[in-house]
Amino acid sequence: MLNIVPVRAFTDNYIWIIHNHRHAAVVDPGDAIPVLDFLRHEDLQLVAILNTHHHNDHVGGNAALLKEFSVPVYGPAQESIPTVTHPLSEGDSVHLVELALALKVIDIPGHTAGHIAYYGANLLFCGDTLFACGCGRLFEGTAQQMYSSLQKLAILPDATQVYCGHEYTLANIHFAKAVEPGNPALSKLESEMKSLLAQGIPTLPSTIIRENATNPFLRCNQLEIIQSAGSYVGSSLTDPVSIFSAIRNWKNDFVTPRREQ
């Protein structure tokens, strides 16, 4: 049986460790120290590193981990990550034999130009593209790219567990309520997530069914979101990419109350 454990790093990063009590793979190790501490504490042998994109808070621990473990490093073919040994693009697969886990690669550019996700066994590791109730900023890609990438993820099976890179959930819900105040699922979700965090429990993983019900960036066809996006830009919007672009720009400038961050 596989276990997927979040290891906290920096302010709000989650490094995901997939293990079976003997072997482990690590997804987006921005910092090696907490990963090494966990591996030693649990007596785990690292067998692979998986990177979703090139940002340092997701790959900064690669080199230090490789000093301790000689393992393959998987990552996006369209980005420059010096430690990557196995560059990947959509259509490729990763077979983690020791974990009996096969993951398909999905190209999801937008946050960065070559961002990828790993999907298999109802597990999705999507870095900084799809967040719980949100999505990543467009640092290198276009709104069209990010919208298309999110649509790829939105059609995965409902039960798919979503493992993203940051604990942004409450702040994202606060924004989602501003965009779609009439969505009753958001208040229920907010209450549940506050309860988890109060107990020191991560709000992740999410699920695809939950994201399709609450995430405004996956709901650009909903009337209330269309109207909110139009109000924000001061003109009528009809196509989903323009609606997505409007609410992504809105989110960039949205101020979340400190207690929600």
Protein backbone atom coordinates (compact mmCIF):
# COMPACT_ATOMS: atom_id res chain seq x y z
CA MET A 1 0.00 0.00 0.00
CA LEU A 2 1.26 3.44 -0.93
CA ASN A 3 1.48 6.29 1.52
CA ILE A 4 1.69 9.91 0.35
CA VAL A 5 3.05 12.24 2.97
CA PRO A 6 3.40 16.03 2.82
CA VAL A 7 6.72 17.36 4.06
CA ARG A 8 6.57 21.07 4.78
CA ALA A 9 9.22 23.43 3.45
CA PHE A 10 9.77 27.19 3.46
CA THR A 11 6.60 29.15 4.29
CA ASP A 12 3.87 27.12 2.60
CA ASN A 13 5.43 24.51 0.29
CA TYR A 14 4.49 20.86 0.36
CA ILE A 15 7.05 18.32 -0.79
CA TRP A 16 5.26 15.04 -1.48
CA ILE A 17 6.88 11.75 -0.50
CA ILE A 18 5.36 8.57 -1.95
CA HIS A 19 6.44 5.47 -0.04
CA ASN A 20 5.58 1.88 0.82
CA HIS A 21 7.47 1.75 4.14
CA ARG A 22 10.60 0.61 2.33
CA HIS A 23 11.15 2.68 -0.80
CA ALA A 24 10.24 6.27 -1.56
CA ALA A 25 9.97 8.78 -4.38
CA VAL A 26 9.90 12.51 -3.76
CA VAL A 27 7.97 15.09 -5.77
CA ASP A 28 9.30 18.65 -6.04
CA PRO A 29 11.94 18.70 -3.29
CA GLY A 30 12.66 22.40 -2.98
CA ASP A 31 14.64 21.75 0.19
CA ALA A 32 16.59 18.56 0.87
CA ILE A 33 16.87 18.85 4.66
CA PRO A 34 13.27 18.01 5.65
CA VAL A 35 13.22 15.25 3.03
CA LEU A 36 16.40 13.66 4.36
CA ASP A 37 15.10 13.96 7.90
CA PHE A 38 11.89 12.16 6.95
CA LEU A 39 13.68 9.42 4.99
CA ARG A 40 16.03 8.72 7.89
CA HIS A 41 13.28 8.77 10.48
CA GLU A 42 11.16 6.32 8.47
CA ASP A 43 14.17 4.26 7.29
CA LEU A 44 13.26 4.72 3.62
CA GLN A 45 15.42 4.24 0.54
CA LEU A 46 14.93 6.97 -2.05
CA VAL A 47 14.42 5.58 -5.56
CA ALA A 48 13.44 8.63 -7.64
CA ILE A 49 12.99 12.40 -7.73
CA LEU A 50 10.13 13.89 -9.75
CA ASN A 51 10.05 17.58 -10.69
CA THR A 52 7.05 19.36 -12.17
CA HIS A 53 8.77 22.64 -13.11
CA HIS A 54 12.01 24.52 -12.74
CA HIS A 55 11.27 26.97 -9.90
CA ASN A 56 13.85 26.70 -7.16
CA ASP A 57 11.31 26.05 -4.41
CA HIS A 58 10.51 22.82 -6.28
CA VAL A 59 13.97 21.69 -7.43
CA GLY A 60 16.40 23.35 -5.02
CA GLY A 61 16.94 20.18 -3.00
CA ASN A 62 17.75 17.91 -5.94
CA ALA A 63 21.54 18.24 -5.79
CA ALA A 64 21.80 17.59 -2.05
CA LEU A 65 19.56 14.54 -2.31
CA LEU A 66 21.72 13.18 -5.12
CA LYS A 67 24.76 13.35 -2.84
CA GLU A 68 23.01 10.85 -0.58
CA PHE A 69 21.15 8.75 -3.16
CA SER A 70 22.08 7.88 -6.74
CA VAL A 71 18.62 7.99 -8.29
CA PRO A 72 16.96 9.08 -11.54
CA VAL A 73 15.59 12.61 -11.65
CA TYR A 74 12.51 13.09 -13.81
CA GLY A 75 11.45 16.51 -15.02
CA PRO A 76 10.05 18.60 -17.87
CA ALA A 77 11.87 18.30 -21.19
CA GLN A 78 11.05 21.89 -22.11
CA GLU A 79 12.75 23.42 -19.07
CA SER A 80 16.35 23.64 -17.93
CA ILE A 81 16.89 21.77 -14.68
CA PRO A 82 20.57 20.73 -14.47
CA THR A 83 19.99 17.66 -12.30
CA VAL A 84 17.28 16.10 -14.48
CA THR A 85 18.39 12.79 -15.99
CA HIS A 86 15.09 11.81 -17.60
CA PRO A 87 13.43 14.71 -19.47
CA LEU A 88 9.73 14.09 -20.04
CA SER A 89 6.88 15.33 -22.21
CA GLU A 90 3.23 14.41 -22.60
CA GLY A 91 2.89 10.80 -23.68
CA ASP A 92 5.87 9.66 -21.61
CA SER A 93 5.48 7.53 -18.50
CA VAL A 94 7.40 7.02 -15.30
CA HIS A 95 7.50 3.49 -13.90
CA LEU A 96 8.51 3.40 -10.25
CA VAL A 97 9.06 -0.33 -10.04
CA GLU A 98 9.89 -0.44 -6.34
CA LEU A 99 6.59 1.30 -5.58
CA ALA A 100 4.56 -0.59 -8.20
CA LEU A 101 3.41 2.79 -9.49
CA ALA A 102 3.12 3.99 -13.08
CA LEU A 103 2.56 7.68 -13.78
CA LYS A 104 1.66 9.29 -17.09
CA VAL A 105 3.07 12.69 -17.97
CA ILE A 106 0.74 15.55 -18.91
CA ASP A 107 2.02 18.81 -20.40
CA ILE A 108 0.43 21.70 -18.48
CA PRO A 109 2.21 24.94 -19.47
CA GLY A 110 1.07 28.28 -18.09
CA HIS A 111 2.71 28.82 -14.72
CA THR A 112 6.00 28.03 -16.46
CA ALA A 113 6.64 27.31 -20.12
CA GLY A 114 7.25 23.58 -19.75
CA HIS A 115 5.36 22.61 -16.60
CA ILE A 116 4.31 18.96 -16.42
CA ALA A 117 2.08 16.86 -14.16
CA TYR A 118 2.27 13.21 -13.16
CA TYR A 119 -0.94 11.17 -13.13
CA GLY A 120 -1.70 7.56 -12.30
CA ALA A 121 -3.59 5.34 -9.85
CA ASN A 122 -6.03 8.22 -9.20
CA LEU A 123 -3.13 10.43 -8.05
CA LEU A 124 -2.26 13.78 -9.63
CA PHE A 125 0.94 15.66 -8.82
CA CYS A 126 0.43 19.02 -10.50
CA GLY A 127 2.98 21.37 -8.94
CA ASP A 128 1.85 24.98 -9.20
CA THR A 129 -0.72 24.66 -12.00
CA LEU A 130 -3.89 23.55 -10.23
CA PHE A 131 -4.23 24.54 -6.58
CA ALA A 132 -7.06 23.73 -4.22
CA CYS A 133 -9.67 26.31 -5.27
CA GLY A 134 -7.10 28.18 -7.36
CA CYS A 135 -4.37 28.07 -9.98
CA GLY A 136 -0.82 29.30 -10.40
CA ARG A 137 0.24 32.69 -11.65
CA LEU A 138 1.15 33.06 -15.32
CA PHE A 139 4.87 33.66 -14.98
CA GLU A 140 5.90 32.32 -18.40
CA GLY A 141 2.80 31.09 -20.21
CA THR A 142 -0.35 32.65 -21.63
CA ALA A 143 -3.92 32.63 -20.40
CA GLN A 144 -4.81 30.34 -23.31
CA GLN A 145 -2.11 27.87 -22.29
CA MET A 146 -3.12 27.84 -18.64
CA TYR A 147 -6.80 27.55 -19.42
CA SER A 148 -6.10 24.60 -21.73
CA SER A 149 -3.86 22.99 -19.13
CA LEU A 150 -6.52 23.28 -16.45
CA GLN A 151 -9.11 21.80 -18.78
CA LYS A 152 -6.89 18.73 -19.23
CA LEU A 153 -6.86 18.25 -15.48
CA ALA A 154 -10.55 19.02 -14.98
CA ILE A 155 -11.60 16.03 -17.08
CA LEU A 156 -9.62 13.51 -15.06
CA PRO A 157 -11.77 11.07 -13.03
CA ASP A 158 -13.74 12.68 -10.20
CA ALA A 159 -11.98 10.61 -7.54
CA THR A 160 -8.51 11.76 -8.62
CA GLN A 161 -6.59 13.08 -5.62
CA VAL A 162 -4.91 16.42 -6.32
CA TYR A 163 -1.48 16.95 -4.76
CA CYS A 164 -0.31 20.50 -5.45
CA GLY A 165 2.71 22.41 -4.24
CA HIS A 166 1.44 24.95 -1.72
CA GLU A 167 -0.93 25.47 1.20
CA TYR A 168 -2.96 28.28 -0.39
CA THR A 169 -6.41 26.83 0.13
CA LEU A 170 -8.03 29.30 2.54
CA ALA A 171 -6.80 32.36 0.65
CA ASN A 172 -8.03 30.79 -2.60
CA ILE A 173 -11.46 30.11 -1.11
CA HIS A 174 -11.72 33.73 0.01
CA PHE A 175 -11.12 34.86 -3.57
CA ALA A 176 -13.49 32.24 -4.99
CA LYS A 177 -16.27 33.58 -2.73
CA ALA A 178 -15.70 37.05 -4.17
CA VAL A 179 -16.00 35.70 -7.72
CA GLU A 180 -18.90 33.30 -7.12
CA PRO A 181 -20.65 34.38 -3.90
CA GLY A 182 -23.73 32.33 -4.74
CA ASN A 183 -21.87 29.00 -4.66
CA PRO A 184 -22.92 27.28 -1.39
CA ALA A 185 -20.15 24.69 -1.70
CA LEU A 186 -17.58 27.38 -0.93
CA SER A 187 -18.81 28.24 2.56
CA LYS A 188 -19.00 24.56 3.45
CA LEU A 189 -15.49 24.01 2.10
CA GLU A 190 -14.16 27.03 3.97
CA SER A 191 -15.50 25.71 7.26
CA GLU A 192 -13.99 22.28 6.65
CA MET A 193 -10.58 23.67 5.67
CA LYS A 194 -10.42 26.01 8.67
CA SER A 195 -11.12 23.04 10.92
CA LEU A 196 -8.31 21.01 9.36
CA LEU A 197 -5.78 23.81 9.64
CA ALA A 198 -6.76 24.50 13.24
CA GLN A 199 -5.75 20.90 13.96
CA GLY A 200 -2.48 21.27 12.06
CA ILE A 201 -3.75 19.04 9.25
CA PRO A 202 -3.01 20.00 5.60
CA THR A 203 -5.98 20.90 3.40
CA LEU A 204 -4.55 18.66 0.69
CA PRO A 205 -5.06 16.52 -1.21
CA SER A 206 -8.10 17.90 -2.93
CA THR A 207 -10.07 15.94 -5.53
CA ILE A 208 -11.08 16.69 -9.09
CA ILE A 209 -14.76 16.52 -8.16
CA ARG A 210 -14.20 19.08 -5.40
CA GLU A 211 -12.24 21.37 -7.71
CA ASN A 212 -14.89 21.25 -10.41
CA ALA A 213 -17.47 22.24 -7.79
CA THR A 214 -15.53 25.08 -6.15
CA ASN A 215 -12.55 26.28 -8.18
CA PRO A 216 -13.44 29.43 -10.16
CA PHE A 217 -10.68 28.79 -12.69
CA LEU A 218 -12.39 25.53 -13.66
CA ARG A 219 -15.85 27.14 -13.70
CA CYS A 220 -15.50 29.83 -16.36
CA ASN A 221 -18.76 28.63 -17.94
CA GLN A 222 -20.82 29.47 -14.84
CA LEU A 223 -23.12 32.48 -15.22
CA GLU A 224 -22.19 34.13 -11.93
CA ILE A 225 -18.46 33.88 -12.72
CA ILE A 226 -19.03 35.23 -16.23
CA GLN A 227 -20.87 38.19 -14.75
CA SER A 228 -18.23 38.78 -12.07
CA ALA A 229 -15.42 38.70 -14.62
CA GLY A 230 -17.30 41.17 -16.82
CA SER A 231 -17.86 43.49 -13.87
CA TYR A 232 -14.16 43.35 -13.02
CA VAL A 233 -13.01 44.38 -16.51
CA GLY A 234 -15.97 46.68 -17.18
CA SER A 235 -17.19 44.96 -20.32
CA SER A 236 -19.13 41.92 -21.42
CA LEU A 237 -17.08 38.72 -21.75
CA THR A 238 -18.26 35.62 -23.54
CA ASP A 239 -15.35 33.31 -24.37
CA PRO A 240 -13.93 31.21 -21.53
CA VAL A 241 -10.30 32.19 -22.06
CA SER A 242 -11.13 35.89 -21.66
CA ILE A 243 -13.15 35.08 -18.55
CA PHE A 244 -10.27 33.02 -17.18
CA SER A 245 -7.80 35.81 -17.97
CA ALA A 246 -9.97 38.38 -16.22
CA ILE A 247 -10.30 36.42 -12.98
CA ARG A 248 -6.61 35.44 -13.02
CA ASN A 249 -5.67 39.14 -13.28
CA TRP A 250 -8.20 39.90 -10.54
CA LYS A 251 -6.61 37.28 -8.31
CA ASN A 252 -3.17 38.82 -8.88
CA ASP A 253 -4.33 42.02 -7.18
CA PHE A 254 -6.74 40.49 -4.68
CA VAL A 255 -5.98 41.29 -1.06
CA THR A 256 -6.78 38.46 1.31
CA PRO A 257 -7.39 39.42 4.94
CA ARG A 258 -4.37 38.45 7.05
CA ARG A 259 -6.37 36.00 9.11
CA GLU A 260 -7.19 34.06 5.94
CA GLN A 261 -3.65 33.78 4.61
